[in-house]
């Protein structure tokens, strides 16, 4: 399994605006196409105005197939346009993560 860690930094006081657009336009699509949401979080300490979300995939090919299918949906374009027009984001990052072998062993034991 790999994890797609996505980190969005909003302009000050724009997190609620971004979250409203996301919840209305992107959340249903991502649940439909990506399926395996591991979490959605907002920072309360550290770098403020930051949103972090994680999506799990079998492998990089699974991730690419799912994200490409979502990107081809016209509703995804509507979400991207709404975010751009709202001018709420400072930056977007994503990182692909793989579990360490000792954590896999821990999960296997935990059962």
PDB file of N, CA and C in Angstrom:
ATOM      1  N   UNK A   1       0.826  -1.188   0.000  1.00  0.00           N
ATOM      2  CA  UNK A   1       0.000   0.000   0.000  1.00  0.00           C
ATOM      3  C   UNK A   1       0.867   1.247   0.000  1.00  0.00           C
ATOM      4  N   UNK A   2       0.409   2.264  -0.745  1.00  0.00           N
ATOM      5  CA  UNK A   2       1.046   3.581  -0.679  1.00  0.00           C
ATOM      6  C   UNK A   2       0.008   4.584  -0.179  1.00  0.00           C
ATOM      7  N   UNK A   3       0.510   5.678   0.363  1.00  0.00           N
ATOM      8  CA  UNK A   3      -0.353   6.743   0.845  1.00  0.00           C
ATOM      9  C   UNK A   3       0.006   8.018   0.092  1.00  0.00           C
ATOM     10  N   UNK A   4      -1.017   8.669  -0.439  1.00  0.00           N
ATOM     11  CA  UNK A   4      -0.862   9.971  -1.079  1.00  0.00           C
ATOM     12  C   UNK A   4      -1.177  11.007  -0.013  1.00  0.00           C
ATOM     13  N   UNK A   5      -0.142  11.687   0.477  1.00  0.00           N
ATOM     14  CA  UNK A   5      -0.270  12.722   1.493  1.00  0.00           C
ATOM     15  C   UNK A   5      -0.366  14.061   0.780  1.00  0.00           C
ATOM     16  N   UNK A   6      -1.464  14.758   0.981  1.00  0.00           N
ATOM     17  CA  UNK A   6      -1.686  16.027   0.312  1.00  0.00           C
ATOM     18  C   UNK A   6      -1.746  17.135   1.363  1.00  0.00           C
ATOM     19  N   UNK A   7      -1.010  18.209   1.132  1.00  0.00           N
ATOM     20  CA  UNK A   7      -0.916  19.309   2.084  1.00  0.00           C
ATOM     21  C   UNK A   7      -1.267  20.599   1.344  1.00  0.00           C
ATOM     22  N   UNK A   8      -2.333  21.239   1.782  1.00  0.00           N
ATOM     23  CA  UNK A   8      -2.777  22.489   1.166  1.00  0.00           C
ATOM     24  C   UNK A   8      -2.625  23.607   2.180  1.00  0.00           C
ATOM     25  N   UNK A   9      -2.025  24.702   1.773  1.00  0.00           N
ATOM     26  CA  UNK A   9      -1.903  25.876   2.621  1.00  0.00           C
ATOM     27  C   UNK A   9      -2.810  26.958   2.047  1.00  0.00           C
ATOM     28  N   UNK A  10      -3.725  27.424   2.881  1.00  0.00           N
ATOM     29  CA  UNK A  10      -4.674  28.454   2.464  1.00  0.00           C
ATOM     30  C   UNK A  10      -4.179  29.834   2.884  1.00  0.00           C
ATOM     31  N   UNK A  11      -4.704  30.832   2.225  1.00  0.00           N
ATOM     32  CA  UNK A  11      -4.465  32.201   2.654  1.00  0.00           C
ATOM     33  C   UNK A  11      -5.128  32.376   4.022  1.00  0.00           C
ATOM     34  N   UNK A  12      -4.624  33.318   4.836  1.00  0.00           N
ATOM     35  CA  UNK A  12      -5.219  33.530   6.157  1.00  0.00           C
ATOM     36  C   UNK A  12      -6.734  33.755   6.064  1.00  0.00           C
ATOM     37  N   UNK A  13      -7.435  33.097   6.968  1.00  0.00           N
ATOM     38  CA  UNK A  13      -8.896  33.190   7.086  1.00  0.00           C
ATOM     39  C   UNK A  13      -9.657  32.608   5.899  1.00  0.00           C
ATOM     40  N   UNK A  14      -8.997  31.835   5.045  1.00  0.00           N
ATOM     41  CA  UNK A  14      -9.661  31.269   3.868  1.00  0.00           C
ATOM     42  C   UNK A  14      -9.928  29.769   3.989  1.00  0.00           C
ATOM     43  N   UNK A  15      -9.518  29.150   5.094  1.00  0.00           N
ATOM     44  CA  UNK A  15      -9.755  27.712   5.261  1.00  0.00           C
ATOM     45  C   UNK A  15     -11.249  27.383   5.161  1.00  0.00           C
ATOM     46  N   UNK A  16     -12.130  28.135   5.848  1.00  0.00           N
ATOM     47  CA  UNK A  16     -13.557  27.795   5.742  1.00  0.00           C
ATOM     48  C   UNK A  16     -14.095  27.887   4.306  1.00  0.00           C
ATOM     49  N   UNK A  17     -13.607  28.843   3.540  1.00  0.00           N
ATOM     50  CA  UNK A  17     -14.045  28.992   2.150  1.00  0.00           C
ATOM     51  C   UNK A  17     -13.600  27.780   1.339  1.00  0.00           C
ATOM     52  N   UNK A  18     -12.324  27.402   1.493  1.00  0.00           N
ATOM     53  CA  UNK A  18     -11.819  26.236   0.766  1.00  0.00           C
ATOM     54  C   UNK A  18     -12.597  24.979   1.153  1.00  0.00           C
ATOM     55  N   UNK A  19     -12.805  24.774   2.455  1.00  0.00           N
ATOM     56  CA  UNK A  19     -13.499  23.572   2.909  1.00  0.00           C
ATOM     57  C   UNK A  19     -14.932  23.497   2.385  1.00  0.00           C
ATOM     58  N   UNK A  20     -15.604  24.632   2.298  1.00  0.00           N
ATOM     59  CA  UNK A  20     -16.973  24.643   1.764  1.00  0.00           C
ATOM     60  C   UNK A  20     -16.980  24.224   0.299  1.00  0.00           C
ATOM     61  N   UNK A  21     -16.083  24.796  -0.487  1.00  0.00           N
ATOM     62  CA  UNK A  21     -15.985  24.431  -1.910  1.00  0.00           C
ATOM     63  C   UNK A  21     -15.636  22.955  -2.037  1.00  0.00           C
ATOM     64  N   UNK A  22     -14.665  22.516  -1.255  1.00  0.00           N
ATOM     65  CA  UNK A  22     -14.235  21.120  -1.321  1.00  0.00           C
ATOM     66  C   UNK A  22     -15.390  20.177  -0.961  1.00  0.00           C
ATOM     67  N   UNK A  23     -16.046  20.451   0.164  1.00  0.00           N
ATOM     68  CA  UNK A  23     -17.099  19.541   0.625  1.00  0.00           C
ATOM     69  C   UNK A  23     -18.234  19.432  -0.395  1.00  0.00           C
ATOM     70  N   UNK A  24     -18.588  20.546  -1.008  1.00  0.00           N
ATOM     71  CA  UNK A  24     -19.690  20.549  -1.972  1.00  0.00           C
ATOM     72  C   UNK A  24     -19.313  19.948  -3.323  1.00  0.00           C
ATOM     73  N   UNK A  25     -18.095  20.220  -3.794  1.00  0.00           N
ATOM     74  CA  UNK A  25     -17.750  19.859  -5.166  1.00  0.00           C
ATOM     75  C   UNK A  25     -16.769  18.693  -5.307  1.00  0.00           C
ATOM     76  N   UNK A  26     -15.829  18.555  -4.389  1.00  0.00           N
ATOM     77  CA  UNK A  26     -14.777  17.548  -4.562  1.00  0.00           C
ATOM     78  C   UNK A  26     -14.991  16.284  -3.730  1.00  0.00           C
ATOM     79  N   UNK A  27     -15.454  16.442  -2.508  1.00  0.00           N
ATOM     80  CA  UNK A  27     -15.596  15.299  -1.597  1.00  0.00           C
ATOM     81  C   UNK A  27     -16.406  14.163  -2.225  1.00  0.00           C
ATOM     82  N   UNK A  28     -17.582  14.427  -2.801  1.00  0.00           N
ATOM     83  CA  UNK A  28     -18.338  13.327  -3.410  1.00  0.00           C
ATOM     84  C   UNK A  28     -17.569  12.640  -4.549  1.00  0.00           C
ATOM     85  N   UNK A  29     -16.868  13.425  -5.348  1.00  0.00           N
ATOM     86  CA  UNK A  29     -16.099  12.848  -6.461  1.00  0.00           C
ATOM     87  C   UNK A  29     -14.941  12.006  -5.955  1.00  0.00           C
ATOM     88  N   UNK A  30     -14.230  12.505  -4.953  1.00  0.00           N
ATOM     89  CA  UNK A  30     -13.091  11.751  -4.444  1.00  0.00           C
ATOM     90  C   UNK A  30     -13.542  10.462  -3.780  1.00  0.00           C
ATOM     91  N   UNK A  31     -14.657  10.495  -3.084  1.00  0.00           N
ATOM     92  CA  UNK A  31     -15.165   9.251  -2.501  1.00  0.00           C
ATOM     93  C   UNK A  31     -15.549   8.263  -3.594  1.00  0.00           C
ATOM     94  N   UNK A  32     -16.102   8.765  -4.682  1.00  0.00           N
ATOM     95  CA  UNK A  32     -16.508   7.911  -5.798  1.00  0.00           C
ATOM     96  C   UNK A  32     -15.304   7.304  -6.516  1.00  0.00           C
ATOM     97  N   UNK A  33     -14.302   8.124  -6.835  1.00  0.00           N
ATOM     98  CA  UNK A  33     -13.189   7.662  -7.650  1.00  0.00           C
ATOM     99  C   UNK A  33     -12.015   7.122  -6.841  1.00  0.00           C
ATOM    100  N   UNK A  34     -11.672   7.790  -5.752  1.00  0.00           N
ATOM    101  CA  UNK A  34     -10.477   7.405  -4.993  1.00  0.00           C
ATOM    102  C   UNK A  34     -10.793   6.378  -3.917  1.00  0.00           C
ATOM    103  N   UNK A  35     -11.951   6.483  -3.323  1.00  0.00           N
ATOM    104  CA  UNK A  35     -12.538   5.532  -2.376  1.00  0.00           C
ATOM    105  C   UNK A  35     -11.882   5.455  -1.007  1.00  0.00           C
ATOM    106  N   UNK A  36     -10.578   5.332  -0.907  1.00  0.00           N
ATOM    107  CA  UNK A  36      -9.938   4.985   0.359  1.00  0.00           C
ATOM    108  C   UNK A  36      -9.332   6.208   1.050  1.00  0.00           C
ATOM    109  N   UNK A  37     -10.202   7.038   1.635  1.00  0.00           N
ATOM    110  CA  UNK A  37      -9.718   8.206   2.374  1.00  0.00           C
ATOM    111  C   UNK A  37      -9.236   7.746   3.746  1.00  0.00           C
ATOM    112  N   UNK A  38      -8.011   8.110   4.079  1.00  0.00           N
ATOM    113  CA  UNK A  38      -7.428   7.728   5.369  1.00  0.00           C
ATOM    114  C   UNK A  38      -7.562   8.828   6.410  1.00  0.00           C
ATOM    115  N   UNK A  39      -7.905  10.029   5.972  1.00  0.00           N
ATOM    116  CA  UNK A  39      -8.098  11.110   6.935  1.00  0.00           C
ATOM    117  C   UNK A  39      -8.020  12.484   6.310  1.00  0.00           C
ATOM    118  N   UNK A  40      -8.711  13.391   6.944  1.00  0.00           N
ATOM    119  CA  UNK A  40      -8.714  14.819   6.586  1.00  0.00           C
ATOM    120  C   UNK A  40      -8.510  15.601   7.873  1.00  0.00           C
ATOM    121  N   UNK A  41      -7.536  16.498   7.879  1.00  0.00           N
ATOM    122  CA  UNK A  41      -7.170  17.205   9.108  1.00  0.00           C
ATOM    123  C   UNK A  41      -6.863  18.675   8.834  1.00  0.00           C
ATOM    124  N   UNK A  42      -7.031  19.499   9.865  1.00  0.00           N
ATOM    125  CA  UNK A  42      -6.618  20.904   9.827  1.00  0.00           C
ATOM    126  C   UNK A  42      -5.616  21.113  10.949  1.00  0.00           C
ATOM    127  N   UNK A  43      -4.614  21.918  10.709  1.00  0.00           N
ATOM    128  CA  UNK A  43      -3.638  22.171  11.769  1.00  0.00           C
ATOM    129  C   UNK A  43      -4.242  23.083  12.841  1.00  0.00           C
ATOM    130  N   UNK A  44      -3.847  22.805  14.076  1.00  0.00           N
ATOM    131  CA  UNK A  44      -4.224  23.668  15.194  1.00  0.00           C
ATOM    132  C   UNK A  44      -2.971  24.220  15.887  1.00  0.00           C
ATOM    133  N   UNK A  45      -1.835  23.631  15.604  1.00  0.00           N
ATOM    134  CA  UNK A  45      -0.533  24.095  16.086  1.00  0.00           C
ATOM    135  C   UNK A  45       0.434  24.009  14.912  1.00  0.00           C
ATOM    136  N   UNK A  46       1.491  24.789  14.961  1.00  0.00           N
ATOM    137  CA  UNK A  46       2.459  24.763  13.862  1.00  0.00           C
ATOM    138  C   UNK A  46       2.022  25.705  12.753  1.00  0.00           C
ATOM    139  N   UNK A  47       2.312  25.344  11.514  1.00  0.00           N
ATOM    140  CA  UNK A  47       1.937  26.189  10.375  1.00  0.00           C
ATOM    141  C   UNK A  47       0.411  26.205  10.244  1.00  0.00           C
ATOM    142  N   UNK A  48      -0.162  27.367  10.488  1.00  0.00           N
ATOM    143  CA  UNK A  48      -1.613  27.496  10.471  1.00  0.00           C
ATOM    144  C   UNK A  48      -2.135  27.567   9.041  1.00  0.00           C
ATOM    145  N   UNK A  49      -3.456  27.505   8.921  1.00  0.00           N
ATOM    146  CA  UNK A  49      -4.128  27.566   7.615  1.00  0.00           C
ATOM    147  C   UNK A  49      -3.739  26.399   6.718  1.00  0.00           C
ATOM    148  N   UNK A  50      -3.407  25.276   7.327  1.00  0.00           N
ATOM    149  CA  UNK A  50      -2.954  24.108   6.582  1.00  0.00           C
ATOM    150  C   UNK A  50      -3.963  22.970   6.726  1.00  0.00           C
ATOM    151  N   UNK A  51      -4.239  22.349   5.611  1.00  0.00           N
ATOM    152  CA  UNK A  51      -5.132  21.203   5.547  1.00  0.00           C
ATOM    153  C   UNK A  51      -4.316  20.020   5.043  1.00  0.00           C
ATOM    154  N   UNK A  52      -4.471  18.885   5.699  1.00  0.00           N
ATOM    155  CA  UNK A  52      -3.747  17.671   5.314  1.00  0.00           C
ATOM    156  C   UNK A  52      -4.769  16.567   5.092  1.00  0.00           C
ATOM    157  N   UNK A  53      -4.639  15.875   3.962  1.00  0.00           N
ATOM    158  CA  UNK A  53      -5.486  14.705   3.765  1.00  0.00           C
ATOM    159  C   UNK A  53      -4.674  13.589   3.156  1.00  0.00           C
ATOM    160  N   UNK A  54      -5.128  12.359   3.409  1.00  0.00           N
ATOM    161  CA  UNK A  54      -4.388  11.166   2.993  1.00  0.00           C
ATOM    162  C   UNK A  54      -5.345  10.208   2.285  1.00  0.00           C
ATOM    163  N   UNK A  55      -4.821   9.607   1.214  1.00  0.00           N
ATOM    164  CA  UNK A  55      -5.572   8.630   0.429  1.00  0.00           C
ATOM    165  C   UNK A  55      -4.720   7.392   0.244  1.00  0.00           C
ATOM    166  N   UNK A  56      -5.303   6.229   0.450  1.00  0.00           N
ATOM    167  CA  UNK A  56      -4.570   4.972   0.314  1.00  0.00           C
ATOM    168  C   UNK A  56      -4.829   4.312  -1.032  1.00  0.00           C
ATOM    169  N   UNK A  57      -3.780   3.727  -1.589  1.00  0.00           N
ATOM    170  CA  UNK A  57      -3.853   3.025  -2.875  1.00  0.00           C
ATOM    171  C   UNK A  57      -3.061   1.731  -2.784  1.00  0.00           C
ATOM    172  N   UNK A  58      -3.430   0.784  -3.609  1.00  0.00           N
ATOM    173  CA  UNK A  58      -2.708  -0.478  -3.667  1.00  0.00           C
ATOM    174  C   UNK A  58      -1.263  -0.237  -4.090  1.00  0.00           C
ATOM    175  N   UNK A  59      -1.089   0.571  -5.132  1.00  0.00           N
ATOM    176  CA  UNK A  59       0.229   0.892  -5.667  1.00  0.00           C
ATOM    177  C   UNK A  59       0.108   2.149  -6.522  1.00  0.00           C
ATOM    178  N   UNK A  60       1.203   2.591  -7.119  1.00  0.00           N
ATOM    179  CA  UNK A  60       1.207   3.815  -7.918  1.00  0.00           C
ATOM    180  C   UNK A  60       0.288   3.694  -9.134  1.00  0.00           C
ATOM    181  N   UNK A  61       0.213   2.517  -9.743  1.00  0.00           N
ATOM    182  CA  UNK A  61      -0.673   2.311 -10.886  1.00  0.00           C
ATOM    183  C   UNK A  61      -2.131   2.493 -10.494  1.00  0.00           C
ATOM    184  N   UNK A  62      -2.512   1.971  -9.328  1.00  0.00           N
ATOM    185  CA  UNK A  62      -3.871   2.136  -8.821  1.00  0.00           C
ATOM    186  C   UNK A  62      -4.168   3.620  -8.617  1.00  0.00           C
ATOM    187  N   UNK A  63      -3.221   4.332  -8.023  1.00  0.00           N
ATOM    188  CA  UNK A  63      -3.388   5.772  -7.796  1.00  0.00           C
ATOM    189  C   UNK A  63      -3.590   6.503  -9.113  1.00  0.00           C
ATOM    190  N   UNK A  64      -2.733   6.230 -10.083  1.00  0.00           N
ATOM    191  CA  UNK A  64      -2.823   6.929 -11.372  1.00  0.00           C
ATOM    192  C   UNK A  64      -4.146   6.637 -12.070  1.00  0.00           C
ATOM    193  N   UNK A  65      -4.591   5.396 -12.082  1.00  0.00           N
ATOM    194  CA  UNK A  65      -5.869   5.051 -12.724  1.00  0.00           C
ATOM    195  C   UNK A  65      -7.021   5.801 -12.074  1.00  0.00           C
ATOM    196  N   UNK A  66      -7.050   5.790 -10.759  1.00  0.00           N
ATOM    197  CA  UNK A  66      -8.151   6.441 -10.050  1.00  0.00           C
ATOM    198  C   UNK A  66      -8.141   7.961 -10.231  1.00  0.00           C
ATOM    199  N   UNK A  67      -6.966   8.554 -10.090  1.00  0.00           N
ATOM    200  CA  UNK A  67      -6.879  10.018 -10.220  1.00  0.00           C
ATOM    201  C   UNK A  67      -7.138  10.459 -11.658  1.00  0.00           C
ATOM    202  N   UNK A  68      -6.682   9.687 -12.632  1.00  0.00           N
ATOM    203  CA  UNK A  68      -6.952  10.036 -14.033  1.00  0.00           C
ATOM    204  C   UNK A  68      -8.444   9.967 -14.343  1.00  0.00           C
ATOM    205  N   UNK A  69      -9.116   8.954 -13.831  1.00  0.00           N
ATOM    206  CA  UNK A  69     -10.563   8.838 -14.044  1.00  0.00           C
ATOM    207  C   UNK A  69     -11.282  10.031 -13.412  1.00  0.00           C
ATOM    208  N   UNK A  70     -10.872  10.415 -12.223  1.00  0.00           N
ATOM    209  CA  UNK A  70     -11.495  11.559 -11.555  1.00  0.00           C
ATOM    210  C   UNK A  70     -11.227  12.850 -12.337  1.00  0.00           C
ATOM    211  N   UNK A  71     -10.006  13.023 -12.784  1.00  0.00           N
ATOM    212  CA  UNK A  71      -9.641  14.237 -13.519  1.00  0.00           C
ATOM    213  C   UNK A  71     -10.427  14.365 -14.824  1.00  0.00           C
ATOM    214  N   UNK A  72     -10.839  13.243 -15.396  1.00  0.00           N
ATOM    215  CA  UNK A  72     -11.601  13.259 -16.652  1.00  0.00           C
ATOM    216  C   UNK A  72     -13.067  13.624 -16.430  1.00  0.00           C
ATOM    217  N   UNK A  73     -13.527  13.578 -15.190  1.00  0.00           N
ATOM    218  CA  UNK A  73     -14.915  13.921 -14.881  1.00  0.00           C
ATOM    219  C   UNK A  73     -15.063  15.441 -14.944  1.00  0.00           C
ATOM    220  N   UNK A  74     -16.004  15.959 -15.744  1.00  0.00           N
ATOM    221  CA  UNK A  74     -16.181  17.422 -15.842  1.00  0.00           C
ATOM    222  C   UNK A  74     -16.450  18.093 -14.494  1.00  0.00           C
ATOM    223  N   UNK A  75     -17.027  17.372 -13.563  1.00  0.00           N
ATOM    224  CA  UNK A  75     -17.293  17.955 -12.239  1.00  0.00           C
ATOM    225  C   UNK A  75     -15.999  18.276 -11.503  1.00  0.00           C
ATOM    226  N   UNK A  76     -14.919  17.516 -11.791  1.00  0.00           N
ATOM    227  CA  UNK A  76     -13.631  17.823 -11.161  1.00  0.00           C
ATOM    228  C   UNK A  76     -13.109  19.168 -11.673  1.00  0.00           C
ATOM    229  N   UNK A  77     -13.314  19.421 -12.950  1.00  0.00           N
ATOM    230  CA  UNK A  77     -12.927  20.718 -13.522  1.00  0.00           C
ATOM    231  C   UNK A  77     -13.694  21.864 -12.889  1.00  0.00           C
ATOM    232  N   UNK A  78     -14.964  21.620 -12.560  1.00  0.00           N
ATOM    233  CA  UNK A  78     -15.769  22.646 -11.885  1.00  0.00           C
ATOM    234  C   UNK A  78     -15.205  22.958 -10.508  1.00  0.00           C
ATOM    235  N   UNK A  79     -14.756  21.918  -9.805  1.00  0.00           N
ATOM    236  CA  UNK A  79     -14.133  22.132  -8.498  1.00  0.00           C
ATOM    237  C   UNK A  79     -12.855  22.954  -8.645  1.00  0.00           C
ATOM    238  N   UNK A  80     -11.986  22.561  -9.563  1.00  0.00           N
ATOM    239  CA  UNK A  80     -10.717  23.275  -9.754  1.00  0.00           C
ATOM    240  C   UNK A  80     -10.962  24.741 -10.121  1.00  0.00           C
ATOM    241  N   UNK A  81     -11.949  24.982 -10.965  1.00  0.00           N
ATOM    242  CA  UNK A  81     -12.285  26.355 -11.360  1.00  0.00           C
ATOM    243  C   UNK A  81     -12.789  27.150 -10.163  1.00  0.00           C
ATOM    244  N   UNK A  82     -13.653  26.553  -9.341  1.00  0.00           N
ATOM    245  CA  UNK A  82     -14.185  27.250  -8.163  1.00  0.00           C
ATOM    246  C   UNK A  82     -13.079  27.621  -7.183  1.00  0.00           C
ATOM    247  N   UNK A  83     -12.116  26.718  -6.992  1.00  0.00           N
ATOM    248  CA  UNK A  83     -10.991  27.006  -6.084  1.00  0.00           C
ATOM    249  C   UNK A  83     -10.139  28.140  -6.652  1.00  0.00           C
ATOM    250  N   UNK A  84      -9.874  28.096  -7.953  1.00  0.00           N
ATOM    251  CA  UNK A  84      -9.068  29.154  -8.576  1.00  0.00           C
ATOM    252  C   UNK A  84      -9.774  30.507  -8.464  1.00  0.00           C
ATOM    253  N   UNK A  85     -11.074  30.523  -8.740  1.00  0.00           N
ATOM    254  CA  UNK A  85     -11.823  31.781  -8.674  1.00  0.00           C
ATOM    255  C   UNK A  85     -11.902  32.324  -7.251  1.00  0.00           C
ATOM    256  N   UNK A  86     -11.964  31.452  -6.261  1.00  0.00           N
ATOM    257  CA  UNK A  86     -12.020  31.890  -4.864  1.00  0.00           C
ATOM    258  C   UNK A  86     -10.673  32.404  -4.380  1.00  0.00           C
ATOM    259  N   UNK A  87      -9.595  32.040  -5.074  1.00  0.00           N
ATOM    260  CA  UNK A  87      -8.240  32.506  -4.748  1.00  0.00           C
ATOM    261  C   UNK A  87      -7.915  32.283  -3.268  1.00  0.00           C
ATOM    262  N   UNK A  88      -8.058  31.027  -2.833  1.00  0.00           N
ATOM    263  CA  UNK A  88      -7.886  30.698  -1.413  1.00  0.00           C
ATOM    264  C   UNK A  88      -6.562  30.022  -1.086  1.00  0.00           C
ATOM    265  N   UNK A  89      -5.887  29.453  -2.079  1.00  0.00           N
ATOM    266  CA  UNK A  89      -4.692  28.650  -1.803  1.00  0.00           C
ATOM    267  C   UNK A  89      -3.397  29.421  -2.009  1.00  0.00           C
ATOM    268  N   UNK A  90      -2.437  29.154  -1.128  1.00  0.00           N
ATOM    269  CA  UNK A  90      -1.079  29.666  -1.263  1.00  0.00           C
ATOM    270  C   UNK A  90      -0.220  28.625  -1.975  1.00  0.00           C
ATOM    271  N   UNK A  91      -0.343  27.350  -1.527  1.00  0.00           N
ATOM    272  CA  UNK A  91       0.414  26.271  -2.160  1.00  0.00           C
ATOM    273  C   UNK A  91      -0.250  24.936  -1.918  1.00  0.00           C
ATOM    274  N   UNK A  92       0.104  24.006  -2.782  1.00  0.00           N
ATOM    275  CA  UNK A  92      -0.369  22.632  -2.678  1.00  0.00           C
ATOM    276  C   UNK A  92       0.849  21.728  -2.807  1.00  0.00           C
ATOM    277  N   UNK A  93       0.899  20.704  -1.959  1.00  0.00           N
ATOM    278  CA  UNK A  93       1.991  19.732  -2.020  1.00  0.00           C
ATOM    279  C   UNK A  93       1.390  18.342  -1.980  1.00  0.00           C
ATOM    280  N   UNK A  94       2.086  17.387  -2.557  1.00  0.00           N
ATOM    281  CA  UNK A  94       1.709  16.005  -2.287  1.00  0.00           C
ATOM    282  C   UNK A  94       2.958  15.156  -2.240  1.00  0.00           C
ATOM    283  N   UNK A  95       2.870  14.129  -1.426  1.00  0.00           N
ATOM    284  CA  UNK A  95       3.980  13.204  -1.221  1.00  0.00           C
ATOM    285  C   UNK A  95       3.418  11.795  -1.270  1.00  0.00           C
ATOM    286  N   UNK A  96       4.155  10.910  -1.908  1.00  0.00           N
ATOM    287  CA  UNK A  96       3.763   9.507  -1.940  1.00  0.00           C
ATOM    288  C   UNK A  96       4.582   8.791  -0.867  1.00  0.00           C
ATOM    289  N   UNK A  97       3.888   8.129   0.041  1.00  0.00           N
ATOM    290  CA  UNK A  97       4.525   7.473   1.176  1.00  0.00           C
ATOM    291  C   UNK A  97       4.326   5.969   1.102  1.00  0.00           C
ATOM    292  N   UNK A  98       5.306   5.249   1.589  1.00  0.00           N
ATOM    293  CA  UNK A  98       5.224   3.788   1.700  1.00  0.00           C
ATOM    294  C   UNK A  98       5.548   3.433   3.143  1.00  0.00           C
ATOM    295  N   UNK A  99       4.810   2.474   3.692  1.00  0.00           N
ATOM    296  CA  UNK A  99       5.062   2.072   5.080  1.00  0.00           C
ATOM    297  C   UNK A  99       6.439   1.435   5.220  1.00  0.00           C
ATOM    298  N   UNK A 100       7.005   1.569   6.401  1.00  0.00           N
ATOM    299  CA  UNK A 100       8.275   0.927   6.711  1.00  0.00           C
ATOM    300  C   UNK A 100       8.036  -0.553   6.999  1.00  0.00           C
ATOM    301  N   UNK A 101       9.042  -1.402   6.791  1.00  0.00           N
ATOM    302  CA  UNK A 101       8.864  -2.827   7.062  1.00  0.00           C
ATOM    303  C   UNK A 101       8.466  -3.133   8.512  1.00  0.00           C
ATOM    304  N   UNK A 102       9.028  -2.390   9.485  1.00  0.00           N
ATOM    305  CA  UNK A 102       8.681  -2.696  10.879  1.00  0.00           C
ATOM    306  C   UNK A 102       7.236  -2.326  11.188  1.00  0.00           C
ATOM    307  N   UNK A 103       6.684  -1.324  10.484  1.00  0.00           N
ATOM    308  CA  UNK A 103       5.287  -0.998  10.714  1.00  0.00           C
ATOM    309  C   UNK A 103       4.370  -2.042  10.068  1.00  0.00           C
ATOM    310  N   UNK A 104       4.764  -2.549   8.906  1.00  0.00           N
ATOM    311  CA  UNK A 104       4.013  -3.662   8.301  1.00  0.00           C
ATOM    312  C   UNK A 104       3.977  -4.856   9.257  1.00  0.00           C
ATOM    313  N   UNK A 105       5.115  -5.148   9.887  1.00  0.00           N
ATOM    314  CA  UNK A 105       5.186  -6.268  10.837  1.00  0.00           C
ATOM    315  C   UNK A 105       4.270  -5.993  12.042  1.00  0.00           C
ATOM    316  N   UNK A 106       4.273  -4.770  12.503  1.00  0.00           N
ATOM    317  CA  UNK A 106       3.414  -4.374  13.613  1.00  0.00           C
ATOM    318  C   UNK A 106       1.933  -4.589  13.247  1.00  0.00           C
ATOM    319  N   UNK A 107       1.554  -4.144  12.060  1.00  0.00           N
ATOM    320  CA  UNK A 107       0.170  -4.324  11.632  1.00  0.00           C
ATOM    321  C   UNK A 107      -0.199  -5.803  11.491  1.00  0.00           C
ATOM    322  N   UNK A 108       0.723  -6.594  10.978  1.00  0.00           N
ATOM    323  CA  UNK A 108       0.473  -8.019  10.836  1.00  0.00           C
ATOM    324  C   UNK A 108       0.250  -8.680  12.198  1.00  0.00           C
ATOM    325  N   UNK A 109       1.048  -8.282  13.202  1.00  0.00           N
ATOM    326  CA  UNK A 109       0.904  -8.814  14.557  1.00  0.00           C
ATOM    327  C   UNK A 109      -0.419  -8.388  15.174  1.00  0.00           C
ATOM    328  N   UNK A 110      -0.737  -7.141  14.961  1.00  0.00           N
ATOM    329  CA  UNK A 110      -1.933  -6.565  15.546  1.00  0.00           C
ATOM    330  C   UNK A 110      -3.193  -7.241  15.006  1.00  0.00           C
ATOM    331  N   UNK A 111      -3.075  -7.694  13.770  1.00  0.00           N
ATOM    332  CA  UNK A 111      -4.049  -8.534  13.154  1.00  0.00           C
ATOM    333  C   UNK A 111      -5.297  -8.038  12.692  1.00  0.00           C
TER     334      UNK A 111
END
